[in-house]
Amino acid sequence: MNLTPDSKVLIQGFSEFIDATHIAQMQAHGTNLVAGVNPGSGGEKLYDLPIFDLIEEVVDKFGQIDTTIICVNPYQVLDAALEAIAANIRQIIITSAGVPPLDMVRLIRTAEVTDTLVIGPNSPGIIVPNKILLGTQPSDFYTGGSVGIISRSSTLTYEIAWELTQAGLGQSISVSIGSDVIVGSSFIQWLQILDEDESTQVIVLVGQPGGDREEAAARYINEAIDKPVVAYIAGRHVPPAKHWRQTGTLAAVIGLDPNFGSVQSKLTALYECDIPVAERPSQISQLVKKFIL
């Protein structure tokens, strides 16, 4: 991964998923935003960024691009991402929500073949405090430190960062993998990344109802992760018959397993693997402090 202030970053599309405040915040945080791509707007300037019609035009002018942040209409995400991959961009962040699942299946297959890391969709992105901000996370909530955050949520990601910051616990990196039905990268991928990251001492994993990502993560932590992990599962009081729209699963809906994707299923998996679980966000810092050297 290339997450340094020297990384060249591109924005594809300008919609309700990103605005002038987010652009200014990224630039203030040291992110090297070089240009935007918005077909039909080539030659213009938007938010002080030069705008091009095609990614290949950006590459011709600025050289290889490390990361693209895709903010287009959800039905245009696949085309935008495939254009980025064709231009050899290997880090893709998708802030758009509601990307068609079959489009994500095709994108993930292409990403696997090309060794491309996809974050999102429906993600506020990644922040390495005091170094680089890729997306819409509010940088004021963060401070540099050694706690890594991996989350499925959006706003809850930076709420927990703020809880840690207030407790004097800085963060090494924070990533929201996204909360659409199908997302590009997994808890397992990011657990491996943070387990190998020298600046991270403790990992905070934030889950929510729907799917079995937390259950798979619990098994992986138990088998392969050396660093301490603290977990929090949102939605403890969601009625069992209800499913969060963006994380609903076919298995739960058609009744193959009434417990599939439930909060209780996730908590049980974490407890069985002896992973500390906070009952509320404010408790996370207390559990993290037990592992800080």
Protein backbone atom coordinates (compact mmCIF):
# COMPACT_ATOMS: atom_id res chain seq x y z
CA MET A 1 0.00 0.00 0.00
CA ASN A 2 1.08 3.56 -0.65
CA LEU A 3 -0.45 5.77 2.05
CA THR A 4 2.02 8.63 2.27
CA PRO A 5 1.78 12.38 1.62
CA ASP A 6 3.65 11.76 -1.66
CA SER A 7 0.91 9.47 -2.98
CA LYS A 8 -0.83 10.93 -6.01
CA VAL A 9 -4.59 10.96 -5.53
CA LEU A 10 -7.36 11.40 -8.09
CA ILE A 11 -11.07 12.06 -7.61
CA GLN A 12 -13.51 10.52 -10.08
CA GLY A 13 -16.84 12.29 -10.26
CA PHE A 14 -18.40 14.97 -8.12
CA SER A 15 -21.78 14.24 -6.57
CA GLU A 16 -23.60 14.29 -3.24
CA PHE A 17 -20.98 11.86 -1.94
CA ILE A 18 -18.27 14.54 -1.79
CA ASP A 19 -18.18 18.32 -1.62
CA ALA A 20 -15.88 21.33 -1.24
CA THR A 21 -15.52 20.77 2.52
CA HIS A 22 -14.21 17.24 2.00
CA ILE A 23 -11.77 18.39 -0.70
CA ALA A 24 -10.43 21.17 1.51
CA GLN A 25 -10.13 18.82 4.47
CA MET A 26 -8.09 16.31 2.48
CA GLN A 27 -5.78 19.03 1.20
CA ALA A 28 -5.36 20.50 4.69
CA HIS A 29 -4.43 17.04 5.97
CA GLY A 30 -1.58 16.79 3.47
CA THR A 31 -3.24 14.65 0.80
CA ASN A 32 -1.70 15.16 -2.63
CA LEU A 33 -4.86 15.66 -4.71
CA VAL A 34 -3.65 16.17 -8.26
CA ALA A 35 -6.84 16.30 -10.34
CA GLY A 36 -10.43 15.29 -10.87
CA VAL A 37 -12.09 13.33 -13.66
CA ASN A 38 -15.58 14.35 -14.75
CA PRO A 39 -16.50 13.44 -18.35
CA GLY A 40 -17.67 16.50 -20.24
CA SER A 41 -15.94 18.94 -17.87
CA GLY A 42 -12.38 18.61 -19.15
CA GLY A 43 -10.41 21.85 -19.05
CA GLU A 44 -12.45 23.30 -16.21
CA LYS A 45 -11.50 23.76 -12.57
CA LEU A 46 -13.54 22.59 -9.62
CA TYR A 47 -12.61 23.16 -5.98
CA ASP A 48 -9.23 24.39 -7.31
CA LEU A 49 -8.60 21.03 -8.97
CA PRO A 50 -7.94 20.71 -12.72
CA ILE A 51 -10.64 18.55 -14.29
CA PHE A 52 -10.07 16.04 -17.08
CA ASP A 53 -12.41 13.92 -19.18
CA LEU A 54 -10.38 10.71 -18.90
CA ILE A 55 -7.98 9.15 -16.40
CA GLU A 56 -5.40 8.53 -19.13
CA GLU A 57 -5.19 12.31 -19.61
CA VAL A 58 -4.39 12.71 -15.91
CA VAL A 59 -1.70 10.03 -16.10
CA ASP A 60 -0.17 11.68 -19.18
CA LYS A 61 0.14 14.98 -17.28
CA PHE A 62 0.97 13.89 -13.72
CA GLY A 63 2.38 10.38 -14.09
CA GLN A 64 1.26 7.23 -12.29
CA ILE A 65 -1.66 7.73 -9.88
CA ASP A 66 -1.60 5.76 -6.62
CA THR A 67 -5.20 6.12 -5.40
CA THR A 68 -8.54 7.12 -6.86
CA ILE A 69 -11.57 8.18 -4.83
CA ILE A 70 -14.75 7.32 -6.72
CA CYS A 71 -17.74 9.56 -5.97
CA VAL A 72 -19.96 8.96 -8.98
CA ASN A 73 -23.58 7.80 -9.19
CA PRO A 74 -23.74 4.20 -7.89
CA TYR A 75 -24.72 2.88 -11.34
CA GLN A 76 -21.57 4.45 -12.80
CA VAL A 77 -19.17 3.05 -10.20
CA LEU A 78 -18.24 -0.09 -12.13
CA ASP A 79 -17.26 1.81 -15.27
CA ALA A 80 -15.28 4.34 -13.22
CA ALA A 81 -13.45 1.61 -11.30
CA LEU A 82 -12.63 -0.41 -14.43
CA GLU A 83 -11.24 2.72 -16.07
CA ALA A 84 -9.03 3.26 -13.01
CA ILE A 85 -7.79 -0.34 -13.03
CA ALA A 86 -7.03 -0.08 -16.76
CA ALA A 87 -4.87 2.96 -15.90
CA ASN A 88 -2.91 0.81 -13.38
CA ILE A 89 -4.38 2.48 -10.29
CA ARG A 90 -4.19 -0.17 -7.59
CA GLN A 91 -5.93 1.56 -4.65
CA ILE A 92 -9.61 2.40 -5.13
CA ILE A 93 -11.89 4.01 -2.55
CA ILE A 94 -15.63 4.12 -3.32
CA THR A 95 -17.65 6.62 -1.30
CA SER A 96 -20.83 6.09 -3.33
CA ALA A 97 -23.56 4.03 -1.65
CA GLY A 98 -25.96 1.55 -3.20
CA VAL A 99 -23.73 0.07 -5.91
CA PRO A 100 -25.56 -2.82 -7.66
CA PRO A 101 -24.33 -6.12 -6.17
CA LEU A 102 -23.64 -7.74 -9.56
CA ASP A 103 -21.48 -4.74 -10.50
CA MET A 104 -19.47 -5.28 -7.31
CA VAL A 105 -19.06 -8.99 -8.09
CA ARG A 106 -17.56 -8.12 -11.46
CA LEU A 107 -15.36 -5.41 -9.94
CA ILE A 108 -14.05 -7.71 -7.21
CA ARG A 109 -13.15 -10.38 -9.76
CA THR A 110 -11.23 -7.83 -11.81
CA ALA A 111 -9.55 -6.44 -8.68
CA GLU A 112 -8.38 -9.90 -7.63
CA VAL A 113 -6.81 -10.58 -11.03
CA THR A 114 -5.03 -7.20 -11.07
CA ASP A 115 -4.04 -7.17 -7.38
CA THR A 116 -6.12 -4.01 -6.77
CA LEU A 117 -7.29 -3.05 -3.28
CA VAL A 118 -10.89 -1.80 -3.25
CA ILE A 119 -12.35 -0.03 -0.20
CA GLY A 120 -16.11 0.45 -0.17
CA PRO A 121 -18.62 1.11 -1.56
CA ASN A 122 -20.45 3.25 0.99
CA SER A 123 -17.20 4.08 2.76
CA PRO A 124 -15.83 7.35 4.17
CA GLY A 125 -12.39 6.03 3.28
CA ILE A 126 -9.05 5.86 5.06
CA ILE A 127 -7.12 8.20 7.32
CA VAL A 128 -3.57 7.94 8.58
CA PRO A 129 -3.65 10.76 11.15
CA ASN A 130 -1.27 13.64 10.44
CA LYS A 131 -0.18 12.03 7.14
CA ILE A 132 -2.95 11.43 4.63
CA LEU A 133 -6.75 11.49 4.37
CA LEU A 134 -8.48 9.64 1.56
CA GLY A 135 -12.22 10.23 1.65
CA THR A 136 -14.68 12.02 3.89
CA GLN A 137 -13.68 11.09 7.43
CA PRO A 138 -13.52 14.19 9.70
CA SER A 139 -9.82 14.60 10.47
CA ASP A 140 -10.54 16.66 13.62
CA PHE A 141 -11.67 13.48 15.36
CA TYR A 142 -8.28 11.86 14.98
CA THR A 143 -4.82 12.15 16.45
CA GLY A 144 -1.66 10.18 15.72
CA GLY A 145 -0.98 7.06 17.77
CA SER A 146 -0.89 3.27 17.75
CA VAL A 147 -4.53 2.08 17.63
CA GLY A 148 -5.76 0.79 14.27
CA ILE A 149 -9.51 0.90 13.51
CA ILE A 150 -11.27 -1.39 11.01
CA SER A 151 -14.99 -0.80 10.67
CA ARG A 152 -18.04 -1.64 8.57
CA SER A 153 -19.80 1.51 9.70
CA SER A 154 -19.33 5.08 8.49
CA THR A 155 -20.16 7.60 11.20
CA LEU A 156 -19.52 5.10 13.98
CA THR A 157 -15.93 4.75 12.74
CA TYR A 158 -15.04 8.30 13.59
CA GLU A 159 -17.23 8.37 16.70
CA ILE A 160 -15.03 5.61 18.10
CA ALA A 161 -11.91 7.46 16.97
CA TRP A 162 -13.15 10.48 18.91
CA GLU A 163 -13.71 8.34 22.01
CA LEU A 164 -10.14 7.07 21.72
CA THR A 165 -8.76 10.56 21.14
CA GLN A 166 -10.53 11.91 24.22
CA ALA A 167 -9.03 9.05 26.23
CA GLY A 168 -5.53 9.97 25.06
CA LEU A 169 -5.26 7.05 22.65
CA GLY A 170 -4.11 8.11 19.20
CA GLN A 171 -4.72 6.15 16.02
CA SER A 172 -2.28 4.68 13.51
CA ILE A 173 -4.87 4.21 10.76
CA SER A 174 -8.64 4.07 10.43
CA VAL A 175 -10.46 2.39 7.56
CA SER A 176 -14.13 1.81 6.88
CA ILE A 177 -14.46 -1.18 4.55
CA GLY A 178 -17.96 -0.02 3.62
CA SER A 179 -21.47 -1.06 4.52
CA ASP A 180 -23.07 -1.96 1.21
CA VAL A 181 -24.23 -5.56 0.72
CA ILE A 182 -21.02 -6.45 -1.17
CA VAL A 183 -17.77 -4.61 -0.50
CA GLY A 184 -14.33 -4.81 -2.03
CA SER A 185 -11.99 -5.59 0.86
CA SER A 186 -12.66 -7.64 3.96
CA PHE A 187 -12.00 -7.56 7.68
CA ILE A 188 -9.55 -10.41 7.13
CA GLN A 189 -7.49 -8.46 4.59
CA TRP A 190 -7.27 -5.45 6.86
CA LEU A 191 -6.51 -7.51 9.95
CA GLN A 192 -3.53 -8.92 8.09
CA ILE A 193 -2.43 -5.45 6.98
CA LEU A 194 -2.60 -4.01 10.51
CA ASP A 195 -1.01 -7.09 12.06
CA GLU A 196 2.02 -6.39 9.87
CA ASP A 197 1.94 -2.61 10.41
CA GLU A 198 4.76 -1.55 12.72
CA SER A 199 2.93 1.58 13.89
CA THR A 200 -0.13 -0.36 15.13
CA GLN A 201 -0.12 -1.93 18.61
CA VAL A 202 -3.83 -2.68 19.11
CA ILE A 203 -6.62 -3.25 16.58
CA VAL A 204 -10.24 -2.15 17.10
CA LEU A 205 -12.77 -4.05 14.98
CA VAL A 206 -16.23 -2.51 14.57
CA GLY A 207 -19.04 -4.66 13.22
CA GLN A 208 -22.78 -4.48 12.72
CA PRO A 209 -25.74 -6.76 11.85
CA GLY A 210 -25.84 -8.57 8.53
CA GLY A 211 -23.66 -11.16 6.84
CA ASP A 212 -20.96 -13.24 8.52
CA ARG A 213 -17.90 -10.99 8.19
CA GLU A 214 -17.44 -10.65 11.93
CA GLU A 215 -17.71 -14.41 12.49
CA ALA A 216 -15.04 -15.04 9.83
CA ALA A 217 -12.88 -12.29 11.35
CA ALA A 218 -13.14 -13.84 14.81
CA ARG A 219 -11.88 -17.18 13.52
CA TYR A 220 -9.05 -15.49 11.63
CA ILE A 221 -8.01 -13.47 14.68
CA ASN A 222 -7.92 -16.63 16.75
CA GLU A 223 -5.82 -18.50 14.17
CA ALA A 224 -3.53 -15.90 12.62
CA ILE A 225 -3.41 -12.49 14.34
CA ASP A 226 -0.68 -11.85 16.90
CA LYS A 227 -1.69 -8.33 17.98
CA PRO A 228 -4.47 -7.76 20.53
CA VAL A 229 -7.92 -7.04 19.06
CA VAL A 230 -10.83 -5.30 20.77
CA ALA A 231 -14.27 -5.57 19.15
CA TYR A 232 -17.54 -3.67 19.20
CA ILE A 233 -20.76 -4.79 17.50
CA ALA A 234 -23.37 -2.11 16.85
CA GLY A 235 -27.08 -2.81 16.91
CA ARG A 236 -27.31 -4.96 20.04
CA HIS A 237 -30.95 -3.98 20.52
CA VAL A 238 -32.10 -4.42 16.94
CA PRO A 239 -35.19 -6.73 16.91
CA PRO A 240 -34.18 -10.21 15.70
CA ALA A 241 -36.56 -10.11 12.73
CA LYS A 242 -35.17 -6.81 11.45
CA HIS A 243 -32.23 -6.46 9.07
CA TRP A 244 -30.27 -3.30 8.28
CA ARG A 245 -31.08 -2.35 4.71
CA GLN A 246 -27.51 -1.94 3.54
CA THR A 247 -26.29 -5.13 5.22
CA GLY A 248 -29.29 -7.42 4.78
CA THR A 249 -28.48 -10.90 3.51
CA LEU A 250 -30.38 -13.32 1.33
CA ALA A 251 -29.73 -16.20 3.75
CA ALA A 252 -31.41 -14.31 6.58
CA VAL A 253 -34.31 -13.09 4.47
CA ILE A 254 -35.29 -16.49 3.09
CA GLY A 255 -34.86 -18.16 6.44
CA LEU A 256 -32.00 -20.60 5.84
CA ASP A 257 -30.65 -19.71 9.26
CA PRO A 258 -32.71 -17.38 11.47
CA ASN A 259 -29.58 -16.49 13.45
CA PHE A 260 -27.42 -15.77 10.40
CA GLY A 261 -26.10 -12.22 10.45
CA SER A 262 -27.54 -11.44 13.86
CA VAL A 263 -25.72 -9.50 16.54
CA GLN A 264 -25.89 -12.52 18.82
CA SER A 265 -24.19 -14.70 16.22
CA LYS A 266 -21.33 -12.23 15.97
CA LEU A 267 -20.98 -11.81 19.73
CA THR A 268 -20.94 -15.57 20.23
CA ALA A 269 -18.16 -15.99 17.66
CA LEU A 270 -16.07 -13.26 19.31
CA TYR A 271 -16.60 -14.62 22.83
CA GLU A 272 -15.69 -18.15 21.73
CA CYS A 273 -12.38 -16.81 20.43
CA ASP A 274 -11.73 -14.88 23.68
CA ILE A 275 -11.78 -11.51 21.93
CA PRO A 276 -12.68 -8.64 24.30
CA VAL A 277 -15.97 -7.03 23.29
CA ALA A 278 -17.10 -3.56 24.38
CA GLU A 279 -20.77 -3.14 25.23
CA ARG A 280 -20.78 0.51 24.12
CA PRO A 281 -18.35 2.79 22.23
CA SER A 282 -17.21 4.60 25.38
CA GLN A 283 -15.94 1.29 26.80
CA ILE A 284 -13.56 0.62 23.91
CA SER A 285 -10.82 2.89 25.23
CA GLN A 286 -10.88 1.09 28.60
CA LEU A 287 -10.29 -2.26 26.91
CA VAL A 288 -7.61 -0.85 24.57
CA LYS A 289 -5.63 0.63 27.46
CA LYS A 290 -5.09 -2.87 28.86
CA PHE A 291 -2.95 -3.71 25.82
CA ILE A 292 -1.04 -0.46 25.24
CA LEU A 293 2.62 -0.87 26.15
